[in-house]
Amino acid sequence: MLALPAFGISLAYTIVTAYVPVLLDDLSGPTTTGALIGAEGLIALIVPALIGGWSDRSTSRIGSRLPFILVGAALTSLSLILMPLGDDSLTWVALCLVAFFIAYFVYYAPYYALYPDLVPYEVRGRSQGFQGALRSAGLLLAMGTGGLMLSAWQELPFVASAAVVLAVTLALFSQLRGNSALHGHQVATARGFAGTLEFVRGSVAARRWAVANACWEAAIGSLRTFVVLYFTAGLGLSLLETSAALALVGVGALIARRWPVPSPTTTVRAPS
């Protein structure tokens, strides 16, 4: 149940990053489209650190994380529903897009913080793997059906993904409500934005991981943003043909999750 929201937010995120450029195609050039989608990167540098630290320190009757997750789900769904309604206005789509990315990261940071709060250390890797499989399933569904839904009714993929985000969030809330572990994380360990930067500066391993992750996310993000436009505007495929082609991407992701590369047998000493 804890992994289920990963499916919903992956579905919504993929619909937005892959198919909003199609809405923007008639309103702007590739540079403007790339800048608008790329605004996510700037938001990702600021919002998760602020919201994550806030949720570390806050208290409420339903725990410190769930209020942010519920607000994030509501704002995410609202921005999804409103986004395609102003498809003839670049300003409207841009504002809804920025609102979506802010709401997404309001949801994202406290949601993933639930794992160290609730999952025992010895099964955390396996639980994260299952969450990754659901995230890949959300990507598969978005890639495989987004074009089909968009061709049938322009608002459909956005309304459907908004409904899924709300449904999985309410399911999570119903299962976690009253869980005493939601109040049990150590506030003293909260790093906050400045503490996180200090940690990265003081750890060679963290810096290497951050650089590698940034390169990986840049490659995947740019591919995902423009792949639908490449198929439709570049190759002249219909949205239905594009959905069929992109479904293979999601299938590949699920296979990779199901049969991961075996871990090396050599022993790696942990950094001191």
C-alpha atoms as a PDB file:
ATOM      1  CA  MET A   1       0.000   0.000   0.000  1.00  0.00           C
ATOM      2  CA  LEU A   2       2.887   2.348   0.742  1.00  0.00           C
ATOM      3  CA  ALA A   3       4.242   1.804  -2.785  1.00  0.00           C
ATOM      4  CA  LEU A   4       0.900   2.417  -4.504  1.00  0.00           C
ATOM      5  CA  PRO A   5       1.192   6.245  -4.781  1.00  0.00           C
ATOM      6  CA  ALA A   6       4.386   5.750  -6.800  1.00  0.00           C
ATOM      7  CA  PHE A   7       2.181   4.352  -9.560  1.00  0.00           C
ATOM      8  CA  GLY A   8      -0.132   7.365  -9.476  1.00  0.00           C
ATOM      9  CA  ILE A   9       2.494  10.100  -9.429  1.00  0.00           C
ATOM     10  CA  SER A  10       4.567   8.331 -12.099  1.00  0.00           C
ATOM     11  CA  LEU A  11       1.484   8.141 -14.330  1.00  0.00           C
ATOM     12  CA  ALA A  12       0.694  11.839 -13.838  1.00  0.00           C
ATOM     13  CA  TYR A  13       4.301  12.967 -14.227  1.00  0.00           C
ATOM     14  CA  THR A  14       4.785  10.994 -17.451  1.00  0.00           C
ATOM     15  CA  ILE A  15       1.511  12.274 -18.941  1.00  0.00           C
ATOM     16  CA  VAL A  16       2.590  15.859 -18.258  1.00  0.00           C
ATOM     17  CA  THR A  17       6.214  15.655 -19.382  1.00  0.00           C
ATOM     18  CA  ALA A  18       5.491  13.546 -22.481  1.00  0.00           C
ATOM     19  CA  TYR A  19       2.195  14.977 -23.723  1.00  0.00           C
ATOM     20  CA  VAL A  20       2.106  18.640 -22.631  1.00  0.00           C
ATOM     21  CA  PRO A  21       4.732  19.384 -25.325  1.00  0.00           C
ATOM     22  CA  VAL A  22       2.077  18.214 -27.807  1.00  0.00           C
ATOM     23  CA  LEU A  23      -0.302  20.871 -26.423  1.00  0.00           C
ATOM     24  CA  LEU A  24       2.465  23.456 -26.647  1.00  0.00           C
ATOM     25  CA  ASP A  25       3.475  22.508 -30.184  1.00  0.00           C
ATOM     26  CA  ASP A  26       1.040  24.977 -31.780  1.00  0.00           C
ATOM     27  CA  LEU A  27       1.665  27.703 -29.191  1.00  0.00           C
ATOM     28  CA  SER A  28       5.446  27.865 -28.996  1.00  0.00           C
ATOM     29  CA  GLY A  29       8.668  26.675 -30.557  1.00  0.00           C
ATOM     30  CA  PRO A  30      10.913  23.918 -29.200  1.00  0.00           C
ATOM     31  CA  THR A  31      13.034  26.402 -27.222  1.00  0.00           C
ATOM     32  CA  THR A  32      10.055  27.765 -25.284  1.00  0.00           C
ATOM     33  CA  THR A  33       8.622  24.278 -24.793  1.00  0.00           C
ATOM     34  CA  GLY A  34      11.957  23.013 -23.478  1.00  0.00           C
ATOM     35  CA  ALA A  35      12.281  25.998 -21.135  1.00  0.00           C
ATOM     36  CA  LEU A  36       8.792  25.459 -19.706  1.00  0.00           C
ATOM     37  CA  ILE A  37       9.294  21.736 -19.151  1.00  0.00           C
ATOM     38  CA  GLY A  38      12.811  22.424 -17.901  1.00  0.00           C
ATOM     39  CA  ALA A  39      11.408  24.696 -15.189  1.00  0.00           C
ATOM     40  CA  GLU A  40      10.905  21.454 -13.294  1.00  0.00           C
ATOM     41  CA  GLY A  41      14.657  21.341 -12.683  1.00  0.00           C
ATOM     42  CA  LEU A  42      14.690  24.696 -10.909  1.00  0.00           C
ATOM     43  CA  ILE A  43      11.629  23.759  -8.858  1.00  0.00           C
ATOM     44  CA  ALA A  44      13.228  20.408  -8.002  1.00  0.00           C
ATOM     45  CA  LEU A  45      16.239  22.199  -6.506  1.00  0.00           C
ATOM     46  CA  ILE A  46      14.108  24.266  -4.136  1.00  0.00           C
ATOM     47  CA  VAL A  47      10.738  22.711  -3.233  1.00  0.00           C
ATOM     48  CA  PRO A  48      11.786  19.201  -2.070  1.00  0.00           C
ATOM     49  CA  ALA A  49      14.432  20.577   0.297  1.00  0.00           C
ATOM     50  CA  LEU A  50      12.020  23.106   1.795  1.00  0.00           C
ATOM     51  CA  ILE A  51       9.044  20.746   2.055  1.00  0.00           C
ATOM     52  CA  GLY A  52      11.161  17.808   3.212  1.00  0.00           C
ATOM     53  CA  GLY A  53      12.687  19.793   6.060  1.00  0.00           C
ATOM     54  CA  TRP A  54       9.287  21.249   6.969  1.00  0.00           C
ATOM     55  CA  SER A  55       7.693  17.807   7.128  1.00  0.00           C
ATOM     56  CA  ASP A  56      10.606  16.596   9.287  1.00  0.00           C
ATOM     57  CA  ARG A  57       9.866  19.238  11.899  1.00  0.00           C
ATOM     58  CA  SER A  58       6.078  19.587  11.733  1.00  0.00           C
ATOM     59  CA  THR A  59       3.493  17.791  13.854  1.00  0.00           C
ATOM     60  CA  SER A  60      -0.208  17.159  13.394  1.00  0.00           C
ATOM     61  CA  ARG A  61      -2.931  14.760  14.459  1.00  0.00           C
ATOM     62  CA  ILE A  62      -2.290  12.590  11.371  1.00  0.00           C
ATOM     63  CA  GLY A  63       1.503  12.790  11.508  1.00  0.00           C
ATOM     64  CA  SER A  64       4.012  15.086   9.889  1.00  0.00           C
ATOM     65  CA  ARG A  65       4.020  13.687   6.323  1.00  0.00           C
ATOM     66  CA  LEU A  66       0.377  13.028   5.464  1.00  0.00           C
ATOM     67  CA  PRO A  67      -0.813  16.682   5.519  1.00  0.00           C
ATOM     68  CA  PHE A  68       1.736  17.573   2.839  1.00  0.00           C
ATOM     69  CA  ILE A  69       0.846  14.493   0.806  1.00  0.00           C
ATOM     70  CA  LEU A  70      -2.876  15.295   0.917  1.00  0.00           C
ATOM     71  CA  VAL A  71      -2.321  18.933  -0.057  1.00  0.00           C
ATOM     72  CA  GLY A  72       0.095  17.886  -2.797  1.00  0.00           C
ATOM     73  CA  ALA A  73      -2.418  15.378  -4.186  1.00  0.00           C
ATOM     74  CA  ALA A  74      -5.215  17.968  -4.270  1.00  0.00           C
ATOM     75  CA  LEU A  75      -3.060  20.595  -5.994  1.00  0.00           C
ATOM     76  CA  THR A  76      -1.590  18.060  -8.415  1.00  0.00           C
ATOM     77  CA  SER A  77      -5.038  16.873  -9.461  1.00  0.00           C
ATOM     78  CA  LEU A  78      -6.376  20.414  -9.800  1.00  0.00           C
ATOM     79  CA  SER A  79      -3.495  21.528 -12.018  1.00  0.00           C
ATOM     80  CA  LEU A  80      -3.893  18.403 -14.163  1.00  0.00           C
ATOM     81  CA  ILE A  81      -7.583  19.064 -14.736  1.00  0.00           C
ATOM     82  CA  LEU A  82      -7.091  22.756 -15.528  1.00  0.00           C
ATOM     83  CA  MET A  83      -4.042  22.354 -17.777  1.00  0.00           C
ATOM     84  CA  PRO A  84      -5.707  21.254 -21.060  1.00  0.00           C
ATOM     85  CA  LEU A  85      -8.659  23.657 -20.658  1.00  0.00           C
ATOM     86  CA  GLY A  86      -6.591  26.596 -21.867  1.00  0.00           C
ATOM     87  CA  ASP A  87      -4.798  24.852 -24.709  1.00  0.00           C
ATOM     88  CA  ASP A  88      -5.070  28.010 -26.851  1.00  0.00           C
ATOM     89  CA  SER A  89      -3.188  30.117 -24.279  1.00  0.00           C
ATOM     90  CA  LEU A  90       0.540  29.681 -23.699  1.00  0.00           C
ATOM     91  CA  THR A  91       0.303  31.642 -20.442  1.00  0.00           C
ATOM     92  CA  TRP A  92      -2.459  29.369 -19.094  1.00  0.00           C
ATOM     93  CA  VAL A  93      -0.609  26.147 -19.897  1.00  0.00           C
ATOM     94  CA  ALA A  94       2.652  27.570 -18.510  1.00  0.00           C
ATOM     95  CA  LEU A  95       1.042  28.596 -15.206  1.00  0.00           C
ATOM     96  CA  CYS A  96      -0.677  25.218 -14.827  1.00  0.00           C
ATOM     97  CA  LEU A  97       2.574  23.456 -15.682  1.00  0.00           C
ATOM     98  CA  VAL A  98       4.533  25.343 -13.010  1.00  0.00           C
ATOM     99  CA  ALA A  99       1.708  24.710 -10.515  1.00  0.00           C
ATOM    100  CA  PHE A 100       1.831  20.997 -11.331  1.00  0.00           C
ATOM    101  CA  PHE A 101       5.583  20.741 -10.762  1.00  0.00           C
ATOM    102  CA  ILE A 102       5.344  22.600  -7.435  1.00  0.00           C
ATOM    103  CA  ALA A 103       2.452  20.369  -6.302  1.00  0.00           C
ATOM    104  CA  TYR A 104       4.279  17.252  -7.506  1.00  0.00           C
ATOM    105  CA  PHE A 105       7.312  17.997  -5.347  1.00  0.00           C
ATOM    106  CA  VAL A 106       5.140  18.984  -2.383  1.00  0.00           C
ATOM    107  CA  TYR A 107       3.806  15.421  -2.683  1.00  0.00           C
ATOM    108  CA  TYR A 108       7.081  13.753  -3.666  1.00  0.00           C
ATOM    109  CA  ALA A 109       9.396  14.718  -0.787  1.00  0.00           C
ATOM    110  CA  PRO A 110       7.230  13.714   2.207  1.00  0.00           C
ATOM    111  CA  TYR A 111       5.926  10.626   0.383  1.00  0.00           C
ATOM    112  CA  TYR A 112       9.388   9.152  -0.120  1.00  0.00           C
ATOM    113  CA  ALA A 113      10.318  10.156   3.439  1.00  0.00           C
ATOM    114  CA  LEU A 114       7.653   7.704   4.639  1.00  0.00           C
ATOM    115  CA  TYR A 115       9.957   4.805   3.711  1.00  0.00           C
ATOM    116  CA  PRO A 116      12.625   5.424   6.363  1.00  0.00           C
ATOM    117  CA  ASP A 117       9.823   6.357   8.784  1.00  0.00           C
ATOM    118  CA  LEU A 118       7.783   3.170   8.339  1.00  0.00           C
ATOM    119  CA  VAL A 119       9.808   0.408   6.650  1.00  0.00           C
ATOM    120  CA  PRO A 120      12.279  -1.701   8.668  1.00  0.00           C
ATOM    121  CA  TYR A 121      15.840  -1.325   7.447  1.00  0.00           C
ATOM    122  CA  GLU A 122      16.278  -5.005   6.550  1.00  0.00           C
ATOM    123  CA  VAL A 123      13.429  -4.938   3.989  1.00  0.00           C
ATOM    124  CA  ARG A 124      13.835  -1.368   2.774  1.00  0.00           C
ATOM    125  CA  GLY A 125      15.680  -2.372  -0.388  1.00  0.00           C
ATOM    126  CA  ARG A 126      13.038  -4.898  -1.389  1.00  0.00           C
ATOM    127  CA  SER A 127      10.219  -2.460  -0.670  1.00  0.00           C
ATOM    128  CA  GLN A 128      11.916   0.230  -2.750  1.00  0.00           C
ATOM    129  CA  GLY A 129      12.259  -2.305  -5.562  1.00  0.00           C
ATOM    130  CA  PHE A 130       8.532  -3.006  -5.474  1.00  0.00           C
ATOM    131  CA  GLN A 131       7.865   0.717  -5.489  1.00  0.00           C
ATOM    132  CA  GLY A 132      10.116   1.023  -8.534  1.00  0.00           C
ATOM    133  CA  ALA A 133       8.098  -1.670 -10.305  1.00  0.00           C
ATOM    134  CA  LEU A 134       4.872   0.267  -9.698  1.00  0.00           C
ATOM    135  CA  ARG A 135       6.568   3.441 -10.888  1.00  0.00           C
ATOM    136  CA  SER A 136       7.532   1.648 -14.109  1.00  0.00           C
ATOM    137  CA  ALA A 137       3.952   0.405 -14.447  1.00  0.00           C
ATOM    138  CA  GLY A 138       2.738   3.996 -14.252  1.00  0.00           C
ATOM    139  CA  LEU A 139       5.214   4.971 -16.959  1.00  0.00           C
ATOM    140  CA  LEU A 140       4.051   2.046 -19.125  1.00  0.00           C
ATOM    141  CA  LEU A 141       0.389   2.980 -18.776  1.00  0.00           C
ATOM    142  CA  ALA A 142       1.072   6.644 -19.542  1.00  0.00           C
ATOM    143  CA  MET A 143       3.265   5.902 -22.544  1.00  0.00           C
ATOM    144  CA  GLY A 144       1.014   3.179 -23.901  1.00  0.00           C
ATOM    145  CA  THR A 145      -2.354   4.881 -23.511  1.00  0.00           C
ATOM    146  CA  GLY A 146      -1.598   8.613 -23.361  1.00  0.00           C
ATOM    147  CA  GLY A 147      -1.712   9.132 -27.101  1.00  0.00           C
ATOM    148  CA  LEU A 148      -4.839   7.008 -27.434  1.00  0.00           C
ATOM    149  CA  MET A 149      -6.635   9.026 -24.751  1.00  0.00           C
ATOM    150  CA  LEU A 150      -5.374  12.330 -26.142  1.00  0.00           C
ATOM    151  CA  SER A 151      -6.685  11.502 -29.619  1.00  0.00           C
ATOM    152  CA  ALA A 152     -10.082  10.476 -28.217  1.00  0.00           C
ATOM    153  CA  TRP A 153     -10.533  13.516 -25.953  1.00  0.00           C
ATOM    154  CA  GLN A 154      -7.810  16.035 -25.235  1.00  0.00           C
ATOM    155  CA  GLU A 155      -8.653  16.345 -21.538  1.00  0.00           C
ATOM    156  CA  LEU A 156      -8.932  12.584 -20.926  1.00  0.00           C
ATOM    157  CA  PRO A 157      -5.327  11.659 -20.017  1.00  0.00           C
ATOM    158  CA  PHE A 158      -5.086  14.600 -17.611  1.00  0.00           C
ATOM    159  CA  VAL A 159      -8.440  13.939 -15.932  1.00  0.00           C
ATOM    160  CA  ALA A 160      -7.696  10.208 -15.696  1.00  0.00           C
ATOM    161  CA  SER A 161      -4.273  10.737 -14.122  1.00  0.00           C
ATOM    162  CA  ALA A 162      -5.763  13.257 -11.665  1.00  0.00           C
ATOM    163  CA  ALA A 163      -8.352  10.662 -10.619  1.00  0.00           C
ATOM    164  CA  VAL A 164      -5.649   8.021 -10.155  1.00  0.00           C
ATOM    165  CA  VAL A 165      -3.511  10.348  -7.989  1.00  0.00           C
ATOM    166  CA  LEU A 166      -6.490  11.097  -5.748  1.00  0.00           C
ATOM    167  CA  ALA A 167      -7.491   7.422  -5.532  1.00  0.00           C
ATOM    168  CA  VAL A 168      -4.055   6.089  -4.548  1.00  0.00           C
ATOM    169  CA  THR A 169      -3.553   8.920  -2.059  1.00  0.00           C
ATOM    170  CA  LEU A 170      -6.878   8.278  -0.354  1.00  0.00           C
ATOM    171  CA  ALA A 171      -6.055   4.556  -0.256  1.00  0.00           C
ATOM    172  CA  LEU A 172      -2.725   5.331   1.422  1.00  0.00           C
ATOM    173  CA  PHE A 173      -4.380   7.698   3.879  1.00  0.00           C
ATOM    174  CA  SER A 174      -7.010   5.101   4.834  1.00  0.00           C
ATOM    175  CA  GLN A 175      -4.288   2.558   5.631  1.00  0.00           C
ATOM    176  CA  LEU A 176      -1.921   4.868   7.512  1.00  0.00           C
ATOM    177  CA  ARG A 177      -4.421   6.918   9.481  1.00  0.00           C
ATOM    178  CA  GLY A 178      -3.830   6.286  13.157  1.00  0.00           C
ATOM    179  CA  ASN A 179      -0.453   4.595  12.607  1.00  0.00           C
ATOM    180  CA  SER A 180       1.699   5.570  15.576  1.00  0.00           C
ATOM    181  CA  ALA A 181       4.892   5.205  13.519  1.00  0.00           C
ATOM    182  CA  LEU A 182       3.927   8.342  11.603  1.00  0.00           C
ATOM    183  CA  HIS A 183       4.809  10.334  14.710  1.00  0.00           C
ATOM    184  CA  GLY A 184       7.973   8.411  15.542  1.00  0.00           C
ATOM    185  CA  HIS A 185      10.688   9.752  13.237  1.00  0.00           C
ATOM    186  CA  GLN A 186      13.536  11.598  14.868  1.00  0.00           C
ATOM    187  CA  VAL A 187      13.135  15.335  14.388  1.00  0.00           C
ATOM    188  CA  ALA A 188      16.701  15.819  15.578  1.00  0.00           C
ATOM    189  CA  THR A 189      18.003  14.070  12.448  1.00  0.00           C
ATOM    190  CA  ALA A 190      16.281  16.526  10.085  1.00  0.00           C
ATOM    191  CA  ARG A 191      18.964  18.169   7.982  1.00  0.00           C
ATOM    192  CA  GLY A 192      17.038  20.915   6.252  1.00  0.00           C
ATOM    193  CA  PHE A 193      18.372  22.657   3.150  1.00  0.00           C
ATOM    194  CA  ALA A 194      21.570  24.021   4.681  1.00  0.00           C
ATOM    195  CA  GLY A 195      22.268  20.745   6.465  1.00  0.00           C
ATOM    196  CA  THR A 196      21.844  18.785   3.249  1.00  0.00           C
ATOM    197  CA  LEU A 197      24.308  21.011   1.412  1.00  0.00           C
ATOM    198  CA  GLU A 198      26.780  20.636   4.267  1.00  0.00           C
ATOM    199  CA  PHE A 199      26.385  16.852   4.140  1.00  0.00           C
ATOM    200  CA  VAL A 200      27.072  16.780   0.377  1.00  0.00           C
ATOM    201  CA  ARG A 201      30.105  19.032   0.747  1.00  0.00           C
ATOM    202  CA  GLY A 202      31.516  16.754   3.422  1.00  0.00           C
ATOM    203  CA  SER A 203      30.962  13.433   1.643  1.00  0.00           C
ATOM    204  CA  VAL A 204      32.887  12.387  -1.470  1.00  0.00           C
ATOM    205  CA  ALA A 205      30.477   9.493  -2.045  1.00  0.00           C
ATOM    206  CA  ALA A 206      27.453  11.807  -1.867  1.00  0.00           C
ATOM    207  CA  ARG A 207      29.029  14.229  -4.350  1.00  0.00           C
ATOM    208  CA  ARG A 208      29.817  11.440  -6.802  1.00  0.00           C
ATOM    209  CA  TRP A 209      26.305  10.076  -6.523  1.00  0.00           C
ATOM    210  CA  ALA A 210      24.809  13.552  -7.015  1.00  0.00           C
ATOM    211  CA  VAL A 211      26.818  14.151 -10.194  1.00  0.00           C
ATOM    212  CA  ALA A 212      25.998  10.719 -11.624  1.00  0.00           C
ATOM    213  CA  ASN A 213      22.308  11.099 -10.759  1.00  0.00           C
ATOM    214  CA  ALA A 214      22.196  14.573 -12.337  1.00  0.00           C
ATOM    215  CA  CYS A 215      23.656  13.233 -15.602  1.00  0.00           C
ATOM    216  CA  TRP A 216      21.217  10.324 -15.627  1.00  0.00           C
ATOM    217  CA  GLU A 217      18.170  12.490 -14.895  1.00  0.00           C
ATOM    218  CA  ALA A 218      19.218  15.021 -17.552  1.00  0.00           C
ATOM    219  CA  ALA A 219      19.417  12.307 -20.206  1.00  0.00           C
ATOM    220  CA  ILE A 220      16.148  10.613 -19.253  1.00  0.00           C
ATOM    221  CA  GLY A 221      14.292  13.894 -18.737  1.00  0.00           C
ATOM    222  CA  SER A 222      15.254  15.362 -22.111  1.00  0.00           C
ATOM    223  CA  LEU A 223      14.371  12.122 -23.894  1.00  0.00           C
ATOM    224  CA  ARG A 224      10.989  11.842 -22.200  1.00  0.00           C
ATOM    225  CA  THR A 225      10.123  15.491 -22.850  1.00  0.00           C
ATOM    226  CA  PHE A 226      10.632  15.454 -26.597  1.00  0.00           C
ATOM    227  CA  VAL A 227      10.098  11.819 -27.585  1.00  0.00           C
ATOM    228  CA  VAL A 228       6.371  12.254 -28.367  1.00  0.00           C
ATOM    229  CA  LEU A 229       7.056  15.344 -30.484  1.00  0.00           C
ATOM    230  CA  TYR A 230       9.831  13.437 -32.248  1.00  0.00           C
ATOM    231  CA  PHE A 231       7.411  10.671 -33.228  1.00  0.00           C
ATOM    232  CA  THR A 232       4.517  12.967 -34.167  1.00  0.00           C
ATOM    233  CA  ALA A 233       6.156  16.089 -35.616  1.00  0.00           C
ATOM    234  CA  GLY A 234       9.483  14.545 -36.653  1.00  0.00           C
ATOM    235  CA  LEU A 235       8.436  11.160 -38.025  1.00  0.00           C
ATOM    236  CA  GLY A 236       4.831  12.033 -38.856  1.00  0.00           C
ATOM    237  CA  LEU A 237       3.288   9.210 -36.803  1.00  0.00           C
ATOM    238  CA  SER A 238      -0.213   9.503 -35.414  1.00  0.00           C
ATOM    239  CA  LEU A 239      -0.840   9.616 -31.666  1.00  0.00           C
ATOM    240  CA  LEU A 240      -2.095   6.015 -31.828  1.00  0.00           C
ATOM    241  CA  GLU A 241       1.087   4.839 -33.567  1.00  0.00           C
ATOM    242  CA  THR A 242       3.156   6.829 -31.079  1.00  0.00           C
ATOM    243  CA  SER A 243       1.397   5.171 -28.146  1.00  0.00           C
ATOM    244  CA  ALA A 244       2.098   1.731 -29.593  1.00  0.00           C
ATOM    245  CA  ALA A 245       5.778   2.564 -30.069  1.00  0.00           C
ATOM    246  CA  LEU A 246       6.163   4.058 -26.603  1.00  0.00           C
ATOM    247  CA  ALA A 247       4.451   1.083 -24.975  1.00  0.00           C
ATOM    248  CA  LEU A 248       7.628  -0.835 -25.786  1.00  0.00           C
ATOM    249  CA  VAL A 249       9.540   1.612 -23.590  1.00  0.00           C
ATOM    250  CA  GLY A 250       7.305   0.829 -20.626  1.00  0.00           C
ATOM    251  CA  VAL A 251       7.546  -2.922 -21.268  1.00  0.00           C
ATOM    252  CA  GLY A 252      11.328  -2.623 -21.282  1.00  0.00           C
ATOM    253  CA  ALA A 253      11.228  -0.746 -17.974  1.00  0.00           C
ATOM    254  CA  LEU A 254       9.060  -3.441 -16.374  1.00  0.00           C
ATOM    255  CA  ILE A 255      11.380  -6.198 -17.641  1.00  0.00           C
ATOM    256  CA  ALA A 256      14.365  -4.341 -16.224  1.00  0.00           C
ATOM    257  CA  ARG A 257      12.598  -4.114 -12.847  1.00  0.00           C
ATOM    258  CA  ARG A 258      11.633  -7.787 -12.926  1.00  0.00           C
ATOM    259  CA  TRP A 259      15.067  -9.092 -13.897  1.00  0.00           C
ATOM    260  CA  PRO A 260      17.674  -6.719 -12.511  1.00  0.00           C
ATOM    261  CA  VAL A 261      21.373  -7.120 -13.198  1.00  0.00           C
ATOM    262  CA  PRO A 262      22.887  -9.358 -10.477  1.00  0.00           C
ATOM    263  CA  SER A 263      24.947  -7.583  -7.861  1.00  0.00           C
ATOM    264  CA  PRO A 264      28.739  -8.040  -8.148  1.00  0.00           C
ATOM    265  CA  THR A 265      30.201 -10.645  -5.847  1.00  0.00           C
ATOM    266  CA  THR A 266      33.249  -8.588  -4.966  1.00  0.00           C
ATOM    267  CA  THR A 267      33.259  -6.918  -1.607  1.00  0.00           C
ATOM    268  CA  VAL A 268      33.216  -3.122  -1.635  1.00  0.00           C
ATOM    269  CA  ARG A 269      34.441  -1.423   1.509  1.00  0.00           C
ATOM    270  CA  ALA A 270      32.140   1.313   2.784  1.00  0.00           C
ATOM    271  CA  PRO A 271      33.665   4.807   2.756  1.00  0.00           C
ATOM    272  CA  SER A 272      35.011   5.920   6.100  1.00  0.00           C
END
